[in-house]
Protein backbone atom coordinates (compact mmCIF):
# COMPACT_ATOMS: atom_id res chain seq x y z
CA MET A 1 139.97 217.22 25.31
CA ARG A 2 138.62 219.53 28.34
CA LEU A 3 140.30 222.94 29.19
CA PRO A 4 141.59 223.62 32.41
CA ASN A 5 138.59 225.58 33.36
CA GLU A 6 135.93 223.80 31.23
CA ARG A 7 133.10 221.89 33.00
CA ARG A 8 131.70 218.49 31.67
CA ASN A 9 128.01 219.07 32.83
CA LEU A 10 126.46 215.68 33.25
CA SER A 11 123.55 214.12 32.70
CA ILE A 12 122.20 212.70 35.86
CA ILE A 13 118.53 210.88 36.84
CA ILE A 14 117.43 210.36 40.27
CA VAL A 15 115.12 207.70 41.34
CA GLY A 16 113.19 208.90 44.51
CA VAL A 17 112.32 212.24 45.58
CA GLY A 18 112.89 211.60 49.84
CA ILE A 19 115.19 213.74 51.64
CA ALA A 20 118.13 212.02 50.12
CA GLY A 21 117.23 212.26 46.60
CA VAL A 22 116.20 215.87 46.94
CA THR A 23 119.33 216.81 48.63
CA ALA A 24 121.30 215.10 45.91
CA ALA A 25 119.40 217.20 42.97
CA VAL A 26 120.41 220.39 44.78
CA ALA A 27 123.72 219.34 45.14
CA LEU A 28 124.22 218.22 41.47
CA ARG A 29 122.59 221.02 40.03
CA GLN A 30 124.76 223.68 41.70
CA ALA A 31 127.94 221.74 40.67
CA GLY A 32 126.38 222.75 36.84
CA HIS A 33 124.58 219.32 35.69
CA SER A 34 121.45 218.36 34.31
CA VAL A 35 119.30 216.73 36.58
CA GLN A 36 115.98 214.76 35.76
CA LEU A 37 114.22 213.72 39.38
CA PHE A 38 111.68 210.75 38.84
CA GLU A 39 108.94 210.00 41.31
CA LYS A 40 106.45 207.16 41.50
CA SER A 41 103.83 209.37 43.54
CA ALA A 42 101.79 212.28 41.84
CA PHE A 43 102.89 214.57 44.67
CA ALA A 44 106.44 216.05 45.15
CA LYS A 45 105.49 216.09 48.99
CA GLU A 46 107.53 214.37 52.03
CA VAL A 47 104.92 212.91 54.46
CA GLY A 48 105.49 212.26 58.28
CA ALA A 49 106.62 213.78 61.13
CA ALA A 50 109.47 215.77 62.34
CA ILE A 51 113.17 214.74 62.53
CA ASN A 52 116.36 216.04 64.29
CA LEU A 53 118.97 217.82 62.04
CA ALA A 54 122.53 217.11 64.23
CA PRO A 55 125.24 219.56 63.58
CA ASN A 56 126.77 217.22 60.42
CA GLY A 57 123.28 217.89 58.53
CA ALA A 58 122.53 221.34 59.64
CA ARG A 59 126.15 222.23 58.27
CA ALA A 60 125.54 219.95 55.29
CA LEU A 61 122.09 222.20 54.19
CA ARG A 62 123.91 224.99 54.98
CA SER A 63 126.53 224.76 52.30
CA LEU A 64 123.78 224.32 49.73
CA GLY A 65 122.58 227.98 50.73
CA PHE A 66 119.53 226.28 52.65
CA ASP A 67 118.08 228.57 55.48
CA LEU A 68 117.01 226.76 58.50
CA GLN A 69 114.71 229.59 59.88
CA ARG A 70 112.99 229.87 56.69
CA ALA A 71 112.40 226.36 57.04
CA LEU A 72 110.71 226.97 60.41
CA ALA A 73 113.35 224.71 62.03
CA TYR A 74 113.58 224.86 65.92
CA ARG A 75 116.61 225.28 67.67
CA VAL A 76 117.45 222.49 70.08
CA THR A 77 118.64 223.67 73.59
CA GLY A 78 119.38 221.20 75.33
CA TYR A 79 117.84 217.41 76.63
CA ASP A 80 115.28 216.53 79.32
CA PHE A 81 114.74 213.15 81.48
CA VAL A 82 111.07 213.28 82.55
CA HIS A 83 109.60 210.41 85.04
CA GLY A 84 106.64 209.29 83.12
CA GLU A 85 104.31 208.73 85.72
CA THR A 86 105.18 211.55 87.80
CA LEU A 87 106.43 214.38 85.36
CA GLU A 88 109.35 214.95 87.46
CA LYS A 89 112.55 216.12 85.91
CA LEU A 90 114.87 213.09 86.43
CA ASN A 91 118.70 213.52 88.10
CA ILE A 92 119.69 212.02 84.12
CA VAL A 93 122.88 213.94 82.93
CA HIS A 94 122.87 213.75 79.06
CA GLU A 95 126.47 214.51 77.94
CA THR A 96 126.91 216.05 74.18
CA PRO A 97 129.73 218.13 72.89
CA LYS A 98 128.83 222.03 72.32
CA ILE A 99 128.72 222.59 68.40
CA GLU A 100 128.37 225.99 66.68
CA SER A 101 126.06 224.74 64.26
CA GLY A 102 123.94 223.33 66.66
CA THR A 103 120.97 220.39 66.38
CA TRP A 104 117.96 221.61 64.62
CA ALA A 105 114.20 219.97 64.74
CA VAL A 106 112.38 220.48 61.41
CA HIS A 107 109.20 218.99 60.27
CA ARG A 108 109.64 216.87 57.21
CA ALA A 109 107.44 218.75 54.95
CA ASP A 110 109.11 221.60 56.00
CA LEU A 111 112.60 220.58 54.91
CA HIS A 112 111.16 218.58 51.92
CA ALA A 113 109.70 221.77 50.19
CA LYS A 114 112.54 224.34 50.45
CA LEU A 115 114.87 221.68 49.23
CA VAL A 116 112.57 221.32 46.22
CA ARG A 117 112.58 225.13 45.60
CA LEU A 118 116.05 225.19 45.60
CA ALA A 119 116.61 222.56 43.07
CA CYS A 120 113.31 223.41 40.70
CA GLU A 121 113.21 227.25 40.90
CA SER A 122 115.23 229.75 38.82
CA HIS A 123 118.43 231.27 40.55
CA ASP A 124 121.04 233.96 39.87
CA GLY A 125 123.67 231.00 39.60
CA MET A 126 122.41 230.07 36.24
CA VAL A 127 122.79 233.51 34.86
CA LYS A 128 126.88 233.59 35.81
CA GLY A 129 127.12 230.00 34.44
CA GLU A 130 127.39 228.02 37.90
CA TRP A 131 124.35 226.05 38.44
CA GLY A 132 122.45 224.22 35.97
CA LEU A 133 119.10 224.41 34.84
CA PRO A 134 116.27 223.44 37.13
CA VAL A 135 115.96 219.85 37.80
CA ASP A 136 113.32 218.19 35.49
CA LEU A 137 110.79 216.94 38.44
CA ARG A 138 109.05 214.11 36.64
CA LEU A 139 105.91 212.97 38.79
CA ALA A 140 103.97 210.12 38.47
CA SER A 141 107.05 208.29 36.79
CA ARG A 142 107.83 204.84 38.42
CA VAL A 143 111.01 203.25 37.70
CA GLN A 144 110.61 199.69 36.58
CA SER A 145 114.18 198.82 35.91
CA VAL A 146 117.45 200.03 35.59
CA VAL A 147 120.47 198.87 33.68
CA SER A 148 124.51 200.05 33.75
CA ARG A 149 127.30 200.47 30.76
CA HIS A 150 130.68 201.54 31.22
CA ASP A 151 129.84 204.41 29.33
CA GLY A 152 126.56 205.52 30.84
CA ALA A 153 123.38 203.97 32.54
CA ALA A 154 119.69 204.00 31.58
CA VAL A 155 116.27 203.53 33.52
CA THR A 156 112.58 201.98 32.03
CA LEU A 157 109.23 203.37 33.13
CA VAL A 158 106.73 201.30 33.90
CA ASP A 159 104.74 202.88 30.39
CA GLY A 160 107.78 201.27 28.49
CA LYS A 161 110.17 204.59 27.79
CA THR A 162 113.49 204.08 28.40
CA LEU A 163 115.84 206.88 29.16
CA SER A 164 119.96 207.26 29.12
CA ALA A 165 121.79 209.56 31.36
CA ASP A 166 125.45 209.52 32.39
CA VAL A 167 124.92 208.70 35.95
CA VAL A 168 121.77 207.14 37.90
CA VAL A 169 121.40 207.70 41.25
CA GLY A 170 118.68 205.45 43.48
CA ALA A 171 117.23 207.31 46.22
CA ASP A 172 114.08 205.17 46.06
CA GLY A 173 113.93 204.02 50.04
CA GLY A 174 113.13 200.80 51.71
CA THR A 175 111.74 199.09 48.45
CA SER A 176 114.35 200.21 46.03
CA VAL A 177 114.19 198.82 42.63
CA VAL A 178 117.83 200.45 42.08
CA ARG A 179 119.14 198.71 45.09
CA SER A 180 117.94 195.65 43.49
CA TYR A 181 119.99 196.16 40.36
CA VAL A 182 123.18 197.26 42.06
CA LEU A 183 123.19 194.26 44.66
CA GLU A 184 122.08 191.57 42.31
CA ASP A 185 124.96 189.43 42.93
CA TYR A 186 125.08 190.23 46.77
CA VAL A 187 121.48 189.82 47.42
CA ASP A 188 122.75 187.74 50.53
CA GLU A 189 123.35 191.00 52.14
CA VAL A 190 120.03 192.65 51.77
CA LYS A 191 118.36 191.49 54.74
CA GLN A 192 116.48 192.78 57.99
CA THR A 193 116.41 191.83 61.17
CA HIS A 194 113.24 192.94 63.65
CA SER A 195 114.25 194.78 66.62
CA GLY A 196 111.33 193.84 68.39
CA MET A 197 109.82 197.32 68.72
CA ALA A 198 108.10 199.98 66.86
CA ALA A 199 107.84 203.21 66.85
CA PHE A 200 104.29 205.85 67.46
CA ARG A 201 104.83 208.77 65.37
CA TYR A 202 102.23 211.72 65.66
CA LEU A 203 102.15 215.27 65.74
CA ILE A 204 100.11 217.66 68.05
CA GLU A 205 99.48 221.50 67.92
CA THR A 206 101.51 223.35 70.77
CA ASP A 207 98.31 225.45 71.67
CA GLN A 208 96.20 222.66 72.16
CA LEU A 209 98.87 220.91 74.76
CA LYS A 210 98.93 224.45 76.54
CA ALA A 211 94.89 223.87 77.12
CA ASP A 212 96.43 221.06 79.67
CA LYS A 213 97.70 222.84 82.89
CA GLU A 214 100.30 220.40 83.48
CA LEU A 215 101.24 220.16 80.13
CA ALA A 216 101.60 223.46 79.77
CA GLU A 217 103.78 223.95 82.94
CA TRP A 218 106.09 221.52 81.17
CA LEU A 219 106.67 223.05 78.30
CA GLY A 220 107.34 226.25 79.42
CA ARG A 221 110.09 224.49 81.64
CA THR A 222 111.53 222.52 78.66
CA GLU A 223 110.94 224.98 75.95
CA GLY A 224 113.67 224.35 73.36
CA ALA A 225 114.46 221.05 74.68
CA VAL A 226 114.17 217.51 73.54
CA ALA A 227 111.97 215.45 76.45
CA LEU A 228 112.15 211.67 77.22
CA PHE A 229 109.52 210.68 78.85
CA ALA A 230 110.54 207.71 80.63
CA ASP A 231 109.08 204.27 81.41
CA MET A 232 110.90 203.70 84.85
CA ALA A 233 109.14 200.72 85.64
CA GLU A 234 110.34 199.16 82.45
CA THR A 235 113.70 197.52 83.11
CA THR A 236 114.32 195.00 80.34
CA ALA A 237 112.55 196.64 77.04
CA GLU A 238 113.18 199.85 75.47
CA LYS A 239 109.90 202.13 76.17
CA HIS A 240 109.57 205.87 76.18
CA ILE A 241 108.20 208.74 74.47
CA ILE A 242 110.08 211.67 72.96
CA SER A 243 108.92 214.96 72.08
CA TYR A 244 110.43 218.13 70.79
CA SER A 245 109.05 221.05 68.82
CA CYS A 246 109.27 221.82 65.34
CA HIS A 247 106.88 223.89 62.71
CA GLY A 248 108.32 227.05 64.15
CA ASN A 249 106.90 225.78 67.52
CA GLU A 250 103.41 225.37 66.50
CA LEU A 251 103.67 221.44 66.38
CA GLN A 252 105.15 219.26 68.98
CA ASN A 253 106.53 216.09 67.72
CA PHE A 254 106.31 212.94 69.46
CA VAL A 255 107.80 209.21 68.87
CA GLY A 256 106.77 206.42 71.09
CA ILE A 257 109.30 203.61 71.09
CA HIS A 258 107.69 200.50 72.46
CA PRO A 259 108.06 196.19 72.57
CA SER A 260 106.15 195.11 69.59
CA LYS A 261 106.28 192.57 66.89
CA THR A 262 103.94 193.99 64.25
CA GLU A 263 105.67 194.16 60.60
CA VAL A 264 103.80 196.59 59.03
CA ILE A 265 103.33 199.63 59.13
CA GLU A 266 100.05 200.90 60.90
CA GLU A 267 97.89 204.35 61.00
CA GLY A 268 94.69 205.46 62.13
CA ASP A 269 92.63 206.61 65.72
CA GLU A 270 92.64 202.92 66.58
CA LEU A 271 96.25 203.13 67.40
CA LYS A 272 95.21 205.41 70.11
CA GLY A 273 94.16 202.27 72.11
CA ILE A 274 96.75 200.44 71.45
CA MET A 275 99.34 203.35 72.72
CA MET A 276 97.03 203.66 75.82
CA GLN A 277 97.74 199.97 76.80
CA GLU A 278 101.15 200.61 76.12
CA TYR A 279 101.60 203.72 78.29
CA GLY A 280 98.51 203.35 80.40
CA HIS A 281 100.56 203.58 83.62
CA PHE A 282 101.71 207.13 82.81
CA HIS A 283 100.79 210.22 84.16
CA PRO A 284 96.97 211.59 83.29
CA SER A 285 98.48 214.31 81.28
CA ILE A 286 100.48 212.03 79.03
CA LYS A 287 97.58 210.08 78.57
CA ASN A 288 95.67 213.12 77.75
CA MET A 289 98.22 214.15 75.14
CA ILE A 290 98.03 210.75 73.60
CA GLY A 291 94.38 211.31 73.32
CA MET A 292 95.09 214.75 71.07
CA ALA A 293 97.57 212.92 68.70
CA SER A 294 96.95 213.08 65.09
CA HIS A 295 97.88 211.45 62.25
CA LEU A 296 99.19 208.47 64.39
CA LYS A 297 101.33 205.74 62.50
CA ARG A 298 103.13 202.87 64.00
CA TRP A 299 106.53 201.89 62.46
CA PRO A 300 108.22 198.28 62.68
CA LEU A 301 111.78 198.70 63.64
CA TYR A 302 114.19 196.43 61.66
CA VAL A 303 117.88 196.03 62.28
CA HIS A 304 120.04 196.04 59.00
CA GLU A 305 123.71 195.13 58.55
CA PRO A 306 126.28 197.55 56.40
CA ILE A 307 126.05 196.34 52.52
CA SER A 308 129.75 195.88 50.66
CA THR A 309 129.12 197.62 47.63
CA TRP A 310 126.85 201.09 47.00
CA ILE A 311 127.68 201.06 43.01
CA ARG A 312 127.51 199.10 39.88
CA GLU A 313 129.51 201.11 37.03
CA ARG A 314 127.52 204.13 36.74
CA VAL A 315 125.08 203.64 39.35
CA VAL A 316 124.93 204.36 42.40
CA LEU A 317 122.52 204.27 45.99
CA ILE A 318 122.29 206.98 48.71
CA GLY A 319 119.72 207.31 51.36
CA ASP A 320 117.78 204.43 52.83
CA ALA A 321 118.10 202.86 49.29
CA VAL A 322 121.68 201.35 50.89
CA HIS A 323 122.02 202.65 54.75
CA PRO A 324 118.61 202.45 56.62
CA MET A 325 118.84 202.89 60.34
CA LEU A 326 116.99 202.64 63.54
CA PRO A 327 116.21 205.95 65.36
CA PHE A 328 118.22 205.83 68.51
CA SER A 329 120.67 208.50 66.72
CA ALA A 330 118.09 210.02 64.93
CA HIS A 331 120.83 209.88 62.07
CA SER A 332 118.74 208.43 59.10
CA ALA A 333 118.17 212.18 57.57
CA ASN A 334 121.35 213.60 58.17
CA GLN A 335 123.37 210.74 56.57
CA ALA A 336 121.05 211.16 53.73
CA VAL A 337 121.72 214.67 53.48
CA GLU A 338 125.50 213.95 53.67
CA ASP A 339 125.06 211.31 50.86
CA GLY A 340 123.69 213.99 48.70
CA VAL A 341 125.94 216.80 49.51
CA ALA A 342 129.04 214.58 49.35
CA LEU A 343 127.75 213.39 45.81
CA GLY A 344 127.74 216.48 44.33
CA LEU A 345 130.93 217.71 45.16
CA VAL A 346 132.79 214.33 43.93
CA LEU A 347 130.83 215.03 40.68
CA ASN A 348 131.74 218.67 40.58
CA GLY A 349 134.11 219.45 37.60
CA ASN A 350 133.73 215.63 36.47
CA ASP A 351 134.28 214.34 32.69
CA GLU A 352 133.44 211.66 31.30
CA ALA A 353 136.62 209.60 31.50
CA ASP A 354 136.41 209.91 34.98
CA ILE A 355 132.64 209.60 36.22
CA THR A 356 133.31 205.60 37.38
CA ASP A 357 136.38 206.79 39.26
CA SER A 358 134.59 209.42 40.69
CA LEU A 359 131.73 206.98 42.30
CA VAL A 360 134.40 204.66 43.38
CA LYS A 361 135.50 207.93 45.48
CA PHE A 362 132.33 208.83 46.96
CA GLU A 363 131.76 205.25 47.87
CA LYS A 364 135.45 205.04 49.59
CA LEU A 365 134.53 208.43 51.25
CA ARG A 366 130.87 207.38 52.43
CA LYS A 367 130.75 204.02 53.06
CA ASN A 368 132.57 203.22 56.93
CA ARG A 369 131.53 206.08 57.90
CA VAL A 370 127.84 205.80 57.36
CA ALA A 371 128.23 201.89 58.35
CA ARG A 372 129.78 203.01 61.70
CA VAL A 373 126.79 205.39 62.25
CA GLN A 374 124.11 202.69 61.24
CA ILE A 375 125.75 200.54 63.59
CA LEU A 376 125.83 202.91 66.35
CA SER A 377 122.08 203.91 65.71
CA SER A 378 120.82 200.23 66.74
CA VAL A 379 121.84 200.89 70.57
CA ARG A 380 120.74 203.91 72.71
CA ALA A 381 122.77 206.40 73.88
CA GLY A 382 125.50 204.53 76.79
CA ARG A 383 125.42 201.30 75.24
CA GLU A 384 128.22 201.95 72.75
CA ALA A 385 130.26 199.11 74.07
CA GLU A 386 127.59 196.74 72.94
CA VAL A 387 128.57 197.15 69.21
CA GLN A 388 132.58 197.86 69.49
CA LYS A 389 133.52 194.79 67.54
CA LYS A 390 130.83 195.58 64.76
CA LEU A 391 132.28 199.11 64.74
CA SER A 392 135.97 197.70 64.49
CA LYS A 393 135.42 196.33 60.67
CA TYR A 394 134.81 199.82 59.19
CA LEU A 395 137.68 202.15 60.76
CA ASP A 396 139.20 205.00 58.51
CA LEU A 397 142.53 206.54 58.51
CA ASP A 398 141.17 209.15 60.57
CA VAL A 399 138.78 206.99 62.71
CA THR A 400 141.08 204.59 64.17
CA ARG A 401 139.24 203.65 67.34
CA PRO A 402 135.31 203.29 67.67
CA PRO A 403 133.47 205.73 69.83
CA ALA A 404 132.81 204.05 73.34
CA THR A 405 131.11 206.31 74.95
CA ASN A 406 128.15 209.29 74.06
CA PRO A 407 130.06 212.03 73.93
CA ASN A 408 132.85 210.38 71.69
CA ARG A 409 129.84 208.89 69.75
CA CYS A 410 128.39 212.65 68.97
CA ILE A 411 131.74 213.81 68.41
CA HIS A 412 131.96 211.08 65.57
CA ASP A 413 128.37 211.56 64.29
CA TRP A 414 128.10 215.11 64.34
CA ARG A 415 131.89 215.62 62.36
CA GLU A 416 131.84 216.97 59.04
């Protein structure tokens, strides 16, 4: 029998070392649990470009002791809409509520590295008995299968080794092995529909952009802002380039949304030619900017519908393994962070008898909120009315009406 002030420390296996997995590892370690983190890659590094941390994501990270400034995050001060062909500022008002914690731009690698340190390094909380031991990070450890029972769960690696735990967390992204197990009886729900769009993603050093006179003037005018270069000639399809600073303003992150039926992730300098075709009518400085792009990739964009369950006994899904999203709300990473922090809170102080009940509580806490954010992510700002019927299926006691405007959408998405 557990004494009133005695905490039951659980053994927890997390599969996947992306943003969701490593955030959960930090939160669960801080809750006093023993955490093993399995990653199929030989490297514990996040790749890719930057992400927007909305106020809800920033607050969630700070609750873990995460320092945004030390992660070289850059405070977003506003939004500028720019004519892609002339670089003139457009008279578009992007109404967003003022939230104290603010919005930040951070390079994925910077965010990930600091989270890994919180997960794996020694901390004073260990001495005080508040934190668990450093997370056991196991690289080059591909999970082949998962199984759950009422009293625990286990993973089997490709080398045949089986490891057991009180809980297994699936944070292994869009090709999740854990999801295949959890949704074994819900396979019809695991489907994706091509959006008819793709996204170019790339980075450019800020100093390199400043070498172009007109781009240097633009940088000076829009410092701290998220800039959207709009294709004013395109009236039917979505086509624009978004830019913002990251890595302490040393890098500029770019995302180019455009019509495309590509179904595979592409990378390489040959994509510059394709991007020039898409944005060839833009201002010469924008075309010059495209020529500067490094590590250029193109990602197909798919629409995913909310699924009906996140758990199977002692196995639970988080992050892109359960709710991949389109980029129009920039909320995929924010919801992954929320998942990890919420799981740590729900499993704080558990005893063995109530673990399954706690996972059910976690699902109830997260599922409808994430479904609404996921559905809203499929439409850009100002088009919230198009998804009202879908949203109405996922209301809660504290959200009795779907957000129908962009300001209301921001208030909904950014809340704690």
